């Protein structure tokens, strides 16, 4: 299970949590372990398709950290195009405020409801 380490290397862990001065929260589980496997399975299917069409084999080279970088695409593009650094903003949208906004405990065992209201209506 190398996912948490790969998430840190790729910068994915840095992207979650509350803003500074709080530290990054990380993902909380080995997300890149299964997401990496999914992406590599897709690469193998693409290689098999390529073999069927051309008769040639393929060499697949990849890493879980590269998959994490792929998941950071939005922040990388925003920095490349606009020079804007990624900032953690917690679990609230900085672009469209809402109230109420959150997950609220309900009656019963492990029962929750998520509510987000953007307008009075």
Protein backbone atom coordinates (compact mmCIF):
# COMPACT_ATOMS: atom_id res chain seq x y z
CA UNK A 1 0.00 0.00 0.00
CA UNK A 2 2.03 2.89 -1.34
CA UNK A 3 -0.91 5.20 -2.09
CA UNK A 4 -0.46 7.64 0.83
CA UNK A 5 3.22 8.11 0.00
CA UNK A 6 2.46 8.58 -3.71
CA UNK A 7 -0.26 11.10 -2.79
CA UNK A 8 2.29 13.13 -0.86
CA UNK A 9 4.86 12.97 -3.66
CA UNK A 10 2.29 14.09 -6.25
CA UNK A 11 1.01 16.99 -4.15
CA UNK A 12 -2.46 15.46 -3.83
CA UNK A 13 -2.28 15.36 -0.02
CA UNK A 14 -1.42 19.06 0.09
CA UNK A 15 -4.69 19.93 -1.66
CA UNK A 16 -7.10 18.81 1.05
CA UNK A 17 -7.98 20.40 4.37
CA UNK A 18 -8.54 23.80 5.89
CA UNK A 19 -6.54 26.87 4.81
CA UNK A 20 -3.26 27.96 6.41
CA UNK A 21 -2.24 27.91 9.24
CA UNK A 22 -3.70 24.38 9.47
CA UNK A 23 -1.66 21.55 7.98
CA UNK A 24 -2.94 19.53 5.02
CA UNK A 25 -5.49 16.88 5.95
CA UNK A 26 -4.53 14.35 3.29
CA UNK A 27 -7.05 12.02 1.75
CA UNK A 28 -7.42 9.66 4.68
CA UNK A 29 -7.05 6.36 2.84
CA UNK A 30 -5.02 4.72 0.09
CA UNK A 31 -6.84 6.41 -2.80
CA UNK A 32 -3.97 6.08 -5.26
CA UNK A 33 -3.66 2.34 -4.58
CA UNK A 34 -6.97 1.63 -6.28
CA UNK A 35 -7.03 4.63 -8.62
CA UNK A 36 -3.52 3.76 -9.83
CA UNK A 37 -4.60 0.16 -10.45
CA UNK A 38 -7.64 1.39 -12.37
CA UNK A 39 -5.50 3.62 -14.60
CA UNK A 40 -2.95 0.86 -15.23
CA UNK A 41 -5.77 -1.53 -16.14
CA UNK A 42 -6.98 1.04 -18.69
CA UNK A 43 -3.41 1.28 -20.06
CA UNK A 44 -3.32 -2.51 -20.46
CA UNK A 45 -6.65 -2.50 -22.29
CA UNK A 46 -5.35 0.26 -24.58
CA UNK A 47 -2.21 -1.81 -25.23
CA UNK A 48 -4.33 -4.85 -26.12
CA UNK A 49 -6.42 -2.71 -28.46
CA UNK A 50 -3.24 -1.36 -30.08
CA UNK A 51 -1.97 -4.94 -30.53
CA UNK A 52 -5.24 -5.97 -32.19
CA UNK A 53 -5.10 -3.04 -34.62
CA UNK A 54 -1.38 -3.01 -35.45
CA UNK A 55 0.04 -6.37 -34.37
CA UNK A 56 2.65 -4.50 -32.30
CA UNK A 57 3.22 -4.75 -28.58
CA UNK A 58 3.36 -1.85 -26.15
CA UNK A 59 5.57 -0.89 -23.24
CA UNK A 60 3.67 0.50 -20.26
CA UNK A 61 5.54 2.64 -17.77
CA UNK A 62 3.76 4.45 -14.99
CA UNK A 63 3.67 5.21 -11.31
CA UNK A 64 1.12 5.97 -8.64
CA UNK A 65 2.69 9.42 -8.18
CA UNK A 66 2.06 10.15 -11.87
CA UNK A 67 -1.60 9.21 -11.39
CA UNK A 68 -1.71 11.67 -8.47
CA UNK A 69 -0.25 14.41 -10.68
CA UNK A 70 -2.93 13.61 -13.26
CA UNK A 71 -5.56 14.20 -10.54
CA UNK A 72 -3.95 17.61 -9.82
CA UNK A 73 -4.58 18.72 -13.39
CA UNK A 74 -6.85 21.63 -12.50
CA UNK A 75 -4.39 23.19 -10.07
CA UNK A 76 -1.46 22.64 -12.45
CA UNK A 77 -3.35 24.22 -15.37
CA UNK A 78 -4.48 27.17 -13.24
CA UNK A 79 -0.89 27.84 -12.20
CA UNK A 80 0.46 27.36 -15.75
CA UNK A 81 -2.15 29.60 -17.38
CA UNK A 82 -2.82 32.18 -14.65
CA UNK A 83 0.09 31.97 -12.20
CA UNK A 84 -2.39 31.18 -9.41
CA UNK A 85 -1.13 28.91 -6.65
CA UNK A 86 -3.50 26.33 -5.17
CA UNK A 87 -4.84 27.23 -1.72
CA UNK A 88 -6.81 24.93 0.53
CA UNK A 89 -10.25 26.29 1.36
CA UNK A 90 -11.67 23.52 3.54
CA UNK A 91 -15.17 22.28 2.92
CA UNK A 92 -16.70 25.59 1.81
CA UNK A 93 -16.77 26.98 -1.72
CA UNK A 94 -14.86 30.24 -2.07
CA UNK A 95 -16.74 31.00 -5.32
CA UNK A 96 -20.37 30.45 -4.37
CA UNK A 97 -21.18 30.89 -0.66
CA UNK A 98 -24.03 28.84 0.77
CA UNK A 99 -25.94 28.82 4.05
CA UNK A 100 -26.78 26.36 5.36
CA UNK A 101 -24.03 24.23 3.88
CA UNK A 102 -22.80 20.98 5.36
CA UNK A 103 -23.53 17.42 6.40
CA UNK A 104 -25.83 17.19 9.40
CA UNK A 105 -26.43 14.27 11.73
CA UNK A 106 -29.96 12.83 11.69
CA UNK A 107 -31.91 10.65 14.08
CA UNK A 108 -30.73 7.05 13.95
CA UNK A 109 -27.44 5.23 13.79
CA UNK A 110 -24.94 6.77 11.34
CA UNK A 111 -27.62 8.75 9.47
CA UNK A 112 -26.72 12.02 7.75
CA UNK A 113 -28.19 14.55 5.32
CA UNK A 114 -26.20 16.98 3.16
CA UNK A 115 -27.80 20.41 2.67
CA UNK A 116 -26.56 23.28 0.51
CA UNK A 117 -28.64 26.40 -0.17
CA UNK A 118 -27.30 29.06 -2.54
CA UNK A 119 -30.40 31.31 -2.57
CA UNK A 120 -33.28 32.19 -0.26
CA UNK A 121 -35.69 30.29 -2.52
